[in-house]
mmCIF file of all heavy atoms, coordinates in Angstrom:
data_MODEL
# 
_entry.id   MODEL 
# 
loop_
_atom_site.group_PDB 
_atom_site.id 
_atom_site.type_symbol 
_atom_site.label_atom_id 
_atom_site.label_alt_id 
_atom_site.label_comp_id 
_atom_site.label_asym_id 
_atom_site.label_entity_id 
_atom_site.label_seq_id 
_atom_site.pdbx_PDB_ins_code 
_atom_site.Cartn_x 
_atom_site.Cartn_y 
_atom_site.Cartn_z 
_atom_site.occupancy 
_atom_site.B_iso_or_equiv 
_atom_site.pdbx_formal_charge 
_atom_site.auth_seq_id 
_atom_site.auth_comp_id 
_atom_site.auth_asym_id 
_atom_site.auth_atom_id 
_atom_site.pdbx_PDB_model_num 
ATOM 1   N N   . ASP A 1 1  ? 0.860   -1.138  -0.011 1.00 0.00 ? 1  ASP A N   1 
ATOM 2   C CA  . ASP A 1 1  ? 0.027   -0.026  -0.002 1.00 0.00 ? 1  ASP A CA  1 
ATOM 3   C C   . ASP A 1 1  ? 0.905   1.194   -0.055 1.00 0.00 ? 1  ASP A C   1 
ATOM 4   O O   . ASP A 1 1  ? 1.632   1.455   0.991  1.00 0.00 ? 1  ASP A O   1 
ATOM 5   C CB  . ASP A 1 1  ? -0.913  -0.054  1.258  1.00 0.00 ? 1  ASP A CB  1 
ATOM 6   C CG  . ASP A 1 1  ? -1.802  1.169   1.286  1.00 0.00 ? 1  ASP A CG  1 
ATOM 7   O OD1 . ASP A 1 1  ? -2.463  1.556   0.315  1.00 0.00 ? 1  ASP A OD1 1 
ATOM 8   O OD2 . ASP A 1 1  ? -1.911  1.779   2.458  1.00 0.00 ? 1  ASP A OD2 1 
ATOM 9   N N   . TRP A 1 2  ? 0.789   2.055   -0.967 1.00 0.00 ? 2  TRP A N   1 
ATOM 10  C CA  . TRP A 1 2  ? 1.695   3.114   -1.256 1.00 0.00 ? 2  TRP A CA  1 
ATOM 11  C C   . TRP A 1 2  ? 1.057   4.454   -0.941 1.00 0.00 ? 2  TRP A C   1 
ATOM 12  O O   . TRP A 1 2  ? -0.059  4.806   -1.539 1.00 0.00 ? 2  TRP A O   1 
ATOM 13  C CB  . TRP A 1 2  ? 2.231   3.092   -2.752 1.00 0.00 ? 2  TRP A CB  1 
ATOM 14  C CG  . TRP A 1 2  ? 3.271   4.016   -3.067 1.00 0.00 ? 2  TRP A CG  1 
ATOM 15  C CD1 . TRP A 1 2  ? 4.593   4.056   -2.788 1.00 0.00 ? 2  TRP A CD1 1 
ATOM 16  C CD2 . TRP A 1 2  ? 3.046   5.323   -3.800 1.00 0.00 ? 2  TRP A CD2 1 
ATOM 17  N NE1 . TRP A 1 2  ? 5.245   5.088   -3.340 1.00 0.00 ? 2  TRP A NE1 1 
ATOM 18  C CE2 . TRP A 1 2  ? 4.289   5.898   -4.007 1.00 0.00 ? 2  TRP A CE2 1 
ATOM 19  C CE3 . TRP A 1 2  ? 1.939   5.937   -4.416 1.00 0.00 ? 2  TRP A CE3 1 
ATOM 20  C CZ2 . TRP A 1 2  ? 4.555   7.056   -4.660 1.00 0.00 ? 2  TRP A CZ2 1 
ATOM 21  C CZ3 . TRP A 1 2  ? 2.142   7.051   -5.156 1.00 0.00 ? 2  TRP A CZ3 1 
ATOM 22  C CH2 . TRP A 1 2  ? 3.353   7.648   -5.187 1.00 0.00 ? 2  TRP A CH2 1 
ATOM 23  N N   . SER A 1 3  ? 1.668   5.303   -0.193 1.00 0.00 ? 3  SER A N   1 
ATOM 24  C CA  . SER A 1 3  ? 1.237   6.686   0.117  1.00 0.00 ? 3  SER A CA  1 
ATOM 25  C C   . SER A 1 3  ? -0.233  6.776   0.511  1.00 0.00 ? 3  SER A C   1 
ATOM 26  O O   . SER A 1 3  ? -0.996  7.442   -0.128 1.00 0.00 ? 3  SER A O   1 
ATOM 27  C CB  . SER A 1 3  ? 1.483   7.587   -1.122 1.00 0.00 ? 3  SER A CB  1 
ATOM 28  O OG  . SER A 1 3  ? 2.953   7.759   -1.265 1.00 0.00 ? 3  SER A OG  1 
ATOM 29  N N   . ASP A 1 4  ? -0.590  6.108   1.504  1.00 0.00 ? 4  ASP A N   1 
ATOM 30  C CA  . ASP A 1 4  ? -1.966  5.875   1.917  1.00 0.00 ? 4  ASP A CA  1 
ATOM 31  C C   . ASP A 1 4  ? -2.009  5.684   3.430  1.00 0.00 ? 4  ASP A C   1 
ATOM 32  O O   . ASP A 1 4  ? -0.965  5.442   4.077  1.00 0.00 ? 4  ASP A O   1 
ATOM 33  C CB  . ASP A 1 4  ? -2.366  4.575   1.239  1.00 0.00 ? 4  ASP A CB  1 
ATOM 34  C CG  . ASP A 1 4  ? -3.945  4.472   1.138  1.00 0.00 ? 4  ASP A CG  1 
ATOM 35  O OD1 . ASP A 1 4  ? -4.616  5.475   1.513  1.00 0.00 ? 4  ASP A OD1 1 
ATOM 36  O OD2 . ASP A 1 4  ? -4.408  3.450   0.574  1.00 0.00 ? 4  ASP A OD2 1 
ATOM 37  N N   . GLY A 1 5  ? -3.161  5.928   4.048  1.00 0.00 ? 5  GLY A N   1 
ATOM 38  C CA  . GLY A 1 5  ? -3.349  5.777   5.438  1.00 0.00 ? 5  GLY A CA  1 
ATOM 39  C C   . GLY A 1 5  ? -3.665  4.255   5.855  1.00 0.00 ? 5  GLY A C   1 
ATOM 40  O O   . GLY A 1 5  ? -4.204  3.547   4.976  1.00 0.00 ? 5  GLY A O   1 
ATOM 41  N N   . LEU A 1 6  ? -3.200  3.859   6.949  1.00 0.00 ? 6  LEU A N   1 
ATOM 42  C CA  . LEU A 1 6  ? -3.416  2.520   7.341  1.00 0.00 ? 6  LEU A CA  1 
ATOM 43  C C   . LEU A 1 6  ? -4.912  2.140   7.446  1.00 0.00 ? 6  LEU A C   1 
ATOM 44  O O   . LEU A 1 6  ? -5.335  1.045   7.069  1.00 0.00 ? 6  LEU A O   1 
ATOM 45  C CB  . LEU A 1 6  ? -2.738  2.236   8.763  1.00 0.00 ? 6  LEU A CB  1 
ATOM 46  C CG  . LEU A 1 6  ? -2.545  0.841   9.157  1.00 0.00 ? 6  LEU A CG  1 
ATOM 47  C CD1 . LEU A 1 6  ? -1.887  -0.040  8.068  1.00 0.00 ? 6  LEU A CD1 1 
ATOM 48  C CD2 . LEU A 1 6  ? -1.820  0.690   10.391 1.00 0.00 ? 6  LEU A CD2 1 
ATOM 49  N N   . ALA A 1 7  ? -5.772  3.039   8.016  1.00 0.00 ? 7  ALA A N   1 
ATOM 50  C CA  . ALA A 1 7  ? -7.217  2.664   8.071  1.00 0.00 ? 7  ALA A CA  1 
ATOM 51  C C   . ALA A 1 7  ? -7.801  2.519   6.739  1.00 0.00 ? 7  ALA A C   1 
ATOM 52  O O   . ALA A 1 7  ? -8.631  1.639   6.441  1.00 0.00 ? 7  ALA A O   1 
ATOM 53  C CB  . ALA A 1 7  ? -7.898  3.782   8.925  1.00 0.00 ? 7  ALA A CB  1 
ATOM 54  N N   . SER A 1 8  ? -7.452  3.399   5.818  1.00 0.00 ? 8  SER A N   1 
ATOM 55  C CA  . SER A 1 8  ? -7.987  3.237   4.394  1.00 0.00 ? 8  SER A CA  1 
ATOM 56  C C   . SER A 1 8  ? -7.440  1.955   3.823  1.00 0.00 ? 8  SER A C   1 
ATOM 57  O O   . SER A 1 8  ? -8.223  1.243   3.075  1.00 0.00 ? 8  SER A O   1 
ATOM 58  C CB  . SER A 1 8  ? -7.600  4.442   3.624  1.00 0.00 ? 8  SER A CB  1 
ATOM 59  O OG  . SER A 1 8  ? -8.132  5.629   4.135  1.00 0.00 ? 8  SER A OG  1 
ATOM 60  N N   . ALA A 1 9  ? -6.174  1.585   3.984  1.00 0.00 ? 9  ALA A N   1 
ATOM 61  C CA  . ALA A 1 9  ? -5.660  0.437   3.402  1.00 0.00 ? 9  ALA A CA  1 
ATOM 62  C C   . ALA A 1 9  ? -6.374  -0.845  3.989  1.00 0.00 ? 9  ALA A C   1 
ATOM 63  O O   . ALA A 1 9  ? -6.656  -1.780  3.194  1.00 0.00 ? 9  ALA A O   1 
ATOM 64  C CB  . ALA A 1 9  ? -4.143  0.347   3.775  1.00 0.00 ? 9  ALA A CB  1 
ATOM 65  N N   . ARG A 1 10 ? -6.609  -0.855  5.304  1.00 0.00 ? 10 ARG A N   1 
ATOM 66  C CA  . ARG A 1 10 ? -7.259  -2.025  5.860  1.00 0.00 ? 10 ARG A CA  1 
ATOM 67  C C   . ARG A 1 10 ? -8.709  -2.162  5.338  1.00 0.00 ? 10 ARG A C   1 
ATOM 68  O O   . ARG A 1 10 ? -9.200  -3.359  5.203  1.00 0.00 ? 10 ARG A O   1 
ATOM 69  C CB  . ARG A 1 10 ? -7.207  -1.927  7.377  1.00 0.00 ? 10 ARG A CB  1 
ATOM 70  C CG  . ARG A 1 10 ? -5.883  -2.205  7.890  1.00 0.00 ? 10 ARG A CG  1 
ATOM 71  C CD  . ARG A 1 10 ? -5.807  -2.453  9.471  1.00 0.00 ? 10 ARG A CD  1 
ATOM 72  N NE  . ARG A 1 10 ? -4.461  -2.885  9.749  1.00 0.00 ? 10 ARG A NE  1 
ATOM 73  C CZ  . ARG A 1 10 ? -3.776  -2.415  10.773 1.00 0.00 ? 10 ARG A CZ  1 
ATOM 74  N NH1 . ARG A 1 10 ? -4.310  -1.433  11.612 1.00 0.00 ? 10 ARG A NH1 1 
ATOM 75  N NH2 . ARG A 1 10 ? -2.587  -2.894  11.036 1.00 0.00 ? 10 ARG A NH2 1 
ATOM 76  N N   . SER A 1 11 ? -9.365  -1.077  5.181  1.00 0.00 ? 11 SER A N   1 
ATOM 77  C CA  . SER A 1 11 ? -10.746 -1.125  4.603  1.00 0.00 ? 11 SER A CA  1 
ATOM 78  C C   . SER A 1 11 ? -10.766 -1.605  3.179  1.00 0.00 ? 11 SER A C   1 
ATOM 79  O O   . SER A 1 11 ? -11.573 -2.380  2.798  1.00 0.00 ? 11 SER A O   1 
ATOM 80  C CB  . SER A 1 11 ? -11.311 0.344   4.647  1.00 0.00 ? 11 SER A CB  1 
ATOM 81  O OG  . SER A 1 11 ? -12.543 0.307   4.094  1.00 0.00 ? 11 SER A OG  1 
ATOM 82  N N   . PHE A 1 12 ? -9.755  -1.173  2.405  1.00 0.00 ? 12 PHE A N   1 
ATOM 83  C CA  . PHE A 1 12 ? -9.594  -1.669  1.082  1.00 0.00 ? 12 PHE A CA  1 
ATOM 84  C C   . PHE A 1 12 ? -9.388  -3.220  0.975  1.00 0.00 ? 12 PHE A C   1 
ATOM 85  O O   . PHE A 1 12 ? -10.024 -3.930  0.242  1.00 0.00 ? 12 PHE A O   1 
ATOM 86  C CB  . PHE A 1 12 ? -8.440  -0.942  0.329  1.00 0.00 ? 12 PHE A CB  1 
ATOM 87  C CG  . PHE A 1 12 ? -8.336  -1.157  -1.143 1.00 0.00 ? 12 PHE A CG  1 
ATOM 88  C CD1 . PHE A 1 12 ? -8.988  -0.347  -2.040 1.00 0.00 ? 12 PHE A CD1 1 
ATOM 89  C CD2 . PHE A 1 12 ? -7.562  -2.220  -1.612 1.00 0.00 ? 12 PHE A CD2 1 
ATOM 90  C CE1 . PHE A 1 12 ? -8.836  -0.575  -3.475 1.00 0.00 ? 12 PHE A CE1 1 
ATOM 91  C CE2 . PHE A 1 12 ? -7.419  -2.448  -3.007 1.00 0.00 ? 12 PHE A CE2 1 
ATOM 92  C CZ  . PHE A 1 12 ? -8.057  -1.620  -3.907 1.00 0.00 ? 12 PHE A CZ  1 
ATOM 93  N N   . VAL A 1 13 ? -8.501  -3.578  1.839  1.00 0.00 ? 13 VAL A N   1 
ATOM 94  C CA  . VAL A 1 13 ? -8.119  -5.032  1.939  1.00 0.00 ? 13 VAL A CA  1 
ATOM 95  C C   . VAL A 1 13 ? -9.357  -5.840  2.284  1.00 0.00 ? 13 VAL A C   1 
ATOM 96  O O   . VAL A 1 13 ? -9.577  -6.994  1.726  1.00 0.00 ? 13 VAL A O   1 
ATOM 97  C CB  . VAL A 1 13 ? -6.945  -5.262  2.876  1.00 0.00 ? 13 VAL A CB  1 
ATOM 98  C CG1 . VAL A 1 13 ? -6.786  -6.701  3.252  1.00 0.00 ? 13 VAL A CG1 1 
ATOM 99  C CG2 . VAL A 1 13 ? -5.648  -4.746  2.250  1.00 0.00 ? 13 VAL A CG2 1 
ATOM 100 N N   . SER A 1 14 ? -10.078 -5.338  3.286  1.00 0.00 ? 14 SER A N   1 
ATOM 101 C CA  . SER A 1 14 ? -11.274 -6.092  3.720  1.00 0.00 ? 14 SER A CA  1 
ATOM 102 C C   . SER A 1 14 ? -12.410 -6.143  2.667  1.00 0.00 ? 14 SER A C   1 
ATOM 103 O O   . SER A 1 14 ? -12.974 -7.140  2.349  1.00 0.00 ? 14 SER A O   1 
ATOM 104 C CB  . SER A 1 14 ? -11.799 -5.381  4.910  1.00 0.00 ? 14 SER A CB  1 
ATOM 105 O OG  . SER A 1 14 ? -13.024 -5.941  5.355  1.00 0.00 ? 14 SER A OG  1 
ATOM 106 N N   . ARG A 1 15 ? -12.524 -5.047  1.948  1.00 0.00 ? 15 ARG A N   1 
ATOM 107 C CA  . ARG A 1 15 ? -13.500 -4.990  0.819  1.00 0.00 ? 15 ARG A CA  1 
ATOM 108 C C   . ARG A 1 15 ? -13.347 -5.995  -0.228 1.00 0.00 ? 15 ARG A C   1 
ATOM 109 O O   . ARG A 1 15 ? -14.242 -6.522  -0.756 1.00 0.00 ? 15 ARG A O   1 
ATOM 110 C CB  . ARG A 1 15 ? -13.459 -3.499  0.219  1.00 0.00 ? 15 ARG A CB  1 
ATOM 111 C CG  . ARG A 1 15 ? -14.377 -3.353  -0.895 1.00 0.00 ? 15 ARG A CG  1 
ATOM 112 C CD  . ARG A 1 15 ? -14.298 -1.866  -1.439 1.00 0.00 ? 15 ARG A CD  1 
ATOM 113 N NE  . ARG A 1 15 ? -15.243 -1.717  -2.464 1.00 0.00 ? 15 ARG A NE  1 
ATOM 114 C CZ  . ARG A 1 15 ? -15.272 -0.654  -3.279 1.00 0.00 ? 15 ARG A CZ  1 
ATOM 115 N NH1 . ARG A 1 15 ? -14.467 0.432   -2.954 1.00 0.00 ? 15 ARG A NH1 1 
ATOM 116 N NH2 . ARG A 1 15 ? -16.086 -0.478  -4.147 1.00 0.00 ? 15 ARG A NH2 1 
ATOM 117 N N   . TYR A 1 16 ? -11.990 -6.263  -0.566 1.00 0.00 ? 16 TYR A N   1 
ATOM 118 C CA  . TYR A 1 16 ? -11.716 -7.222  -1.610 1.00 0.00 ? 16 TYR A CA  1 
ATOM 119 C C   . TYR A 1 16 ? -11.284 -8.531  -1.108 1.00 0.00 ? 16 TYR A C   1 
ATOM 120 O O   . TYR A 1 16 ? -10.822 -9.374  -1.855 1.00 0.00 ? 16 TYR A O   1 
ATOM 121 C CB  . TYR A 1 16 ? -10.568 -6.637  -2.560 1.00 0.00 ? 16 TYR A CB  1 
ATOM 122 C CG  . TYR A 1 16 ? -11.150 -5.457  -3.286 1.00 0.00 ? 16 TYR A CG  1 
ATOM 123 C CD1 . TYR A 1 16 ? -10.860 -4.092  -2.863 1.00 0.00 ? 16 TYR A CD1 1 
ATOM 124 C CD2 . TYR A 1 16 ? -12.039 -5.609  -4.256 1.00 0.00 ? 16 TYR A CD2 1 
ATOM 125 C CE1 . TYR A 1 16 ? -11.397 -3.063  -3.540 1.00 0.00 ? 16 TYR A CE1 1 
ATOM 126 C CE2 . TYR A 1 16 ? -12.684 -4.536  -5.019 1.00 0.00 ? 16 TYR A CE2 1 
ATOM 127 C CZ  . TYR A 1 16 ? -12.308 -3.238  -4.591 1.00 0.00 ? 16 TYR A CZ  1 
ATOM 128 O OH  . TYR A 1 16 ? -12.909 -2.150  -5.257 1.00 0.00 ? 16 TYR A OH  1 
ATOM 129 N N   . SER A 1 17 ? -11.393 -8.710  0.193  1.00 0.00 ? 17 SER A N   1 
ATOM 130 C CA  . SER A 1 17 ? -11.124 -10.099 0.816  1.00 0.00 ? 17 SER A CA  1 
ATOM 131 C C   . SER A 1 17 ? -9.691  -10.627 0.576  1.00 0.00 ? 17 SER A C   1 
ATOM 132 O O   . SER A 1 17 ? -9.483  -11.816 0.390  1.00 0.00 ? 17 SER A O   1 
ATOM 133 C CB  . SER A 1 17 ? -12.164 -11.116 0.536  1.00 0.00 ? 17 SER A CB  1 
ATOM 134 O OG  . SER A 1 17 ? -13.443 -10.668 0.775  1.00 0.00 ? 17 SER A OG  1 
ATOM 135 N N   . TRP A 1 18 ? -8.639  -9.687  0.618  1.00 0.00 ? 18 TRP A N   1 
ATOM 136 C CA  . TRP A 1 18 ? -7.342  -10.122 0.378  1.00 0.00 ? 18 TRP A CA  1 
ATOM 137 C C   . TRP A 1 18 ? -6.802  -10.768 1.596  1.00 0.00 ? 18 TRP A C   1 
ATOM 138 O O   . TRP A 1 18 ? -6.886  -10.288 2.791  1.00 0.00 ? 18 TRP A O   1 
ATOM 139 C CB  . TRP A 1 18 ? -6.452  -8.847  0.047  1.00 0.00 ? 18 TRP A CB  1 
ATOM 140 C CG  . TRP A 1 18 ? -6.597  -8.285  -1.384 1.00 0.00 ? 18 TRP A CG  1 
ATOM 141 C CD1 . TRP A 1 18 ? -7.320  -8.834  -2.365 1.00 0.00 ? 18 TRP A CD1 1 
ATOM 142 C CD2 . TRP A 1 18 ? -6.012  -7.146  -1.819 1.00 0.00 ? 18 TRP A CD2 1 
ATOM 143 N NE1 . TRP A 1 18 ? -7.230  -7.959  -3.437 1.00 0.00 ? 18 TRP A NE1 1 
ATOM 144 C CE2 . TRP A 1 18 ? -6.459  -6.861  -3.152 1.00 0.00 ? 18 TRP A CE2 1 
ATOM 145 C CE3 . TRP A 1 18 ? -5.155  -6.190  -1.201 1.00 0.00 ? 18 TRP A CE3 1 
ATOM 146 C CZ2 . TRP A 1 18 ? -5.949  -5.897  -3.942 1.00 0.00 ? 18 TRP A CZ2 1 
ATOM 147 C CZ3 . TRP A 1 18 ? -4.756  -5.151  -1.947 1.00 0.00 ? 18 TRP A CZ3 1 
ATOM 148 C CH2 . TRP A 1 18 ? -5.143  -4.998  -3.354 1.00 0.00 ? 18 TRP A CH2 1 
ATOM 149 N N   . SER A 1 19 ? -6.210  -11.956 1.429  1.00 0.00 ? 19 SER A N   1 
ATOM 150 C CA  . SER A 1 19 ? -5.614  -12.559 2.665  1.00 0.00 ? 19 SER A CA  1 
ATOM 151 C C   . SER A 1 19 ? -4.095  -12.847 2.449  1.00 0.00 ? 19 SER A C   1 
ATOM 152 O O   . SER A 1 19 ? -3.419  -13.367 3.319  1.00 0.00 ? 19 SER A O   1 
ATOM 153 C CB  . SER A 1 19 ? -6.320  -13.964 2.784  1.00 0.00 ? 19 SER A CB  1 
ATOM 154 O OG  . SER A 1 19 ? -6.249  -14.763 1.583  1.00 0.00 ? 19 SER A OG  1 
ATOM 155 N N   . TYR A 1 20 ? -3.605  -12.397 1.350  1.00 0.00 ? 20 TYR A N   1 
ATOM 156 C CA  . TYR A 1 20 ? -2.083  -12.460 1.118  1.00 0.00 ? 20 TYR A CA  1 
ATOM 157 C C   . TYR A 1 20 ? -1.404  -11.371 1.768  1.00 0.00 ? 20 TYR A C   1 
ATOM 158 O O   . TYR A 1 20 ? -1.980  -10.365 2.055  1.00 0.00 ? 20 TYR A O   1 
ATOM 159 C CB  . TYR A 1 20 ? -1.844  -12.649 -0.352 1.00 0.00 ? 20 TYR A CB  1 
ATOM 160 C CG  . TYR A 1 20 ? -2.238  -11.465 -1.208 1.00 0.00 ? 20 TYR A CG  1 
ATOM 161 C CD1 . TYR A 1 20 ? -1.397  -10.313 -1.459 1.00 0.00 ? 20 TYR A CD1 1 
ATOM 162 C CD2 . TYR A 1 20 ? -3.511  -11.424 -1.735 1.00 0.00 ? 20 TYR A CD2 1 
ATOM 163 C CE1 . TYR A 1 20 ? -1.869  -9.222  -2.220 1.00 0.00 ? 20 TYR A CE1 1 
ATOM 164 C CE2 . TYR A 1 20 ? -3.887  -10.391 -2.488 1.00 0.00 ? 20 TYR A CE2 1 
ATOM 165 C CZ  . TYR A 1 20 ? -3.018  -9.321  -2.762 1.00 0.00 ? 20 TYR A CZ  1 
ATOM 166 O OH  . TYR A 1 20 ? -3.508  -8.279  -3.480 1.00 0.00 ? 20 TYR A OH  1 
ATOM 167 N N   . PRO A 1 21 ? -0.101  -11.538 2.100  1.00 0.00 ? 21 PRO A N   1 
ATOM 168 C CA  . PRO A 1 21 ? 0.661   -10.479 2.741  1.00 0.00 ? 21 PRO A CA  1 
ATOM 169 C C   . PRO A 1 21 ? 0.512   -9.144  2.065  1.00 0.00 ? 21 PRO A C   1 
ATOM 170 O O   . PRO A 1 21 ? 0.678   -9.040  0.856  1.00 0.00 ? 21 PRO A O   1 
ATOM 171 C CB  . PRO A 1 21 ? 2.072   -10.959 2.659  1.00 0.00 ? 21 PRO A CB  1 
ATOM 172 C CG  . PRO A 1 21 ? 2.012   -12.407 2.519  1.00 0.00 ? 21 PRO A CG  1 
ATOM 173 C CD  . PRO A 1 21 ? 0.803   -12.663 1.666  1.00 0.00 ? 21 PRO A CD  1 
ATOM 174 N N   . ASN A 1 22 ? 0.280   -8.062  2.864  1.00 0.00 ? 22 ASN A N   1 
ATOM 175 C CA  . ASN A 1 22 ? 0.320   -6.687  2.358  1.00 0.00 ? 22 ASN A CA  1 
ATOM 176 C C   . ASN A 1 22 ? 1.085   -5.834  3.344  1.00 0.00 ? 22 ASN A C   1 
ATOM 177 O O   . ASN A 1 22 ? 0.805   -5.949  4.480  1.00 0.00 ? 22 ASN A O   1 
ATOM 178 C CB  . ASN A 1 22 ? -1.195  -6.164  2.131  1.00 0.00 ? 22 ASN A CB  1 
ATOM 179 C CG  . ASN A 1 22 ? -1.691  -6.409  0.831  1.00 0.00 ? 22 ASN A CG  1 
ATOM 180 O OD1 . ASN A 1 22 ? -1.489  -5.587  -0.035 1.00 0.00 ? 22 ASN A OD1 1 
ATOM 181 N ND2 . ASN A 1 22 ? -2.320  -7.521  0.671  1.00 0.00 ? 22 ASN A ND2 1 
ATOM 182 N N   . LEU A 1 23 ? 1.964   -5.028  2.799  1.00 0.00 ? 23 LEU A N   1 
ATOM 183 C CA  . LEU A 1 23 ? 2.840   -4.186  3.586  1.00 0.00 ? 23 LEU A CA  1 
ATOM 184 C C   . LEU A 1 23 ? 2.426   -2.781  3.392  1.00 0.00 ? 23 LEU A C   1 
ATOM 185 O O   . LEU A 1 23 ? 1.669   -2.455  2.447  1.00 0.00 ? 23 LEU A O   1 
ATOM 186 C CB  . LEU A 1 23 ? 4.248   -4.387  3.132  1.00 0.00 ? 23 LEU A CB  1 
ATOM 187 C CG  . LEU A 1 23 ? 4.721   -5.870  3.148  1.00 0.00 ? 23 LEU A CG  1 
ATOM 188 C CD1 . LEU A 1 23 ? 6.120   -5.988  2.654  1.00 0.00 ? 23 LEU A CD1 1 
ATOM 189 C CD2 . LEU A 1 23 ? 4.574   -6.429  4.569  1.00 0.00 ? 23 LEU A CD2 1 
ATOM 190 N N   . SER A 1 24 ? 2.901   -1.856  4.281  1.00 0.00 ? 24 SER A N   1 
ATOM 191 C CA  . SER A 1 24 ? 2.584   -0.453  4.201  1.00 0.00 ? 24 SER A CA  1 
ATOM 192 C C   . SER A 1 24 ? 3.741   0.424   3.930  1.00 0.00 ? 24 SER A C   1 
ATOM 193 O O   . SER A 1 24 ? 4.799   0.378   4.586  1.00 0.00 ? 24 SER A O   1 
ATOM 194 C CB  . SER A 1 24 ? 1.962   -0.078  5.498  1.00 0.00 ? 24 SER A CB  1 
ATOM 195 O OG  . SER A 1 24 ? 1.652   1.271   5.657  1.00 0.00 ? 24 SER A OG  1 
ATOM 196 N N   . ASP A 1 25 ? 3.546   1.282   2.942  1.00 0.00 ? 25 ASP A N   1 
ATOM 197 C CA  . ASP A 1 25 ? 4.634   2.321   2.537  1.00 0.00 ? 25 ASP A CA  1 
ATOM 198 C C   . ASP A 1 25 ? 3.938   3.707   2.546  1.00 0.00 ? 25 ASP A C   1 
ATOM 199 O O   . ASP A 1 25 ? 3.774   4.295   1.561  1.00 0.00 ? 25 ASP A O   1 
ATOM 200 C CB  . ASP A 1 25 ? 5.172   1.862   1.120  1.00 0.00 ? 25 ASP A CB  1 
ATOM 201 C CG  . ASP A 1 25 ? 6.241   2.828   0.602  1.00 0.00 ? 25 ASP A CG  1 
ATOM 202 O OD1 . ASP A 1 25 ? 6.972   3.458   1.461  1.00 0.00 ? 25 ASP A OD1 1 
ATOM 203 O OD2 . ASP A 1 25 ? 6.498   2.920   -0.539 1.00 0.00 ? 25 ASP A OD2 1 
ATOM 204 N N   . PRO A 1 26 ? 3.641   4.085   3.824  1.00 0.00 ? 26 PRO A N   1 
ATOM 205 C CA  . PRO A 1 26 ? 2.764   5.324   3.916  1.00 0.00 ? 26 PRO A CA  1 
ATOM 206 C C   . PRO A 1 26 ? 3.428   6.633   3.304  1.00 0.00 ? 26 PRO A C   1 
ATOM 207 O O   . PRO A 1 26 ? 2.666   7.488   2.916  1.00 0.00 ? 26 PRO A O   1 
ATOM 208 C CB  . PRO A 1 26 ? 2.613   5.437   5.445  1.00 0.00 ? 26 PRO A CB  1 
ATOM 209 C CG  . PRO A 1 26 ? 3.623   4.764   6.105  1.00 0.00 ? 26 PRO A CG  1 
ATOM 210 C CD  . PRO A 1 26 ? 4.039   3.630   5.088  1.00 0.00 ? 26 PRO A CD  1 
# 
């Protein structure tokens, strides 16, 4: 997740049911 907030990223991941590793590059 690039240049984004953690709460927004988690919401996006939940919306698309991603279960693979995702890292944060805020």
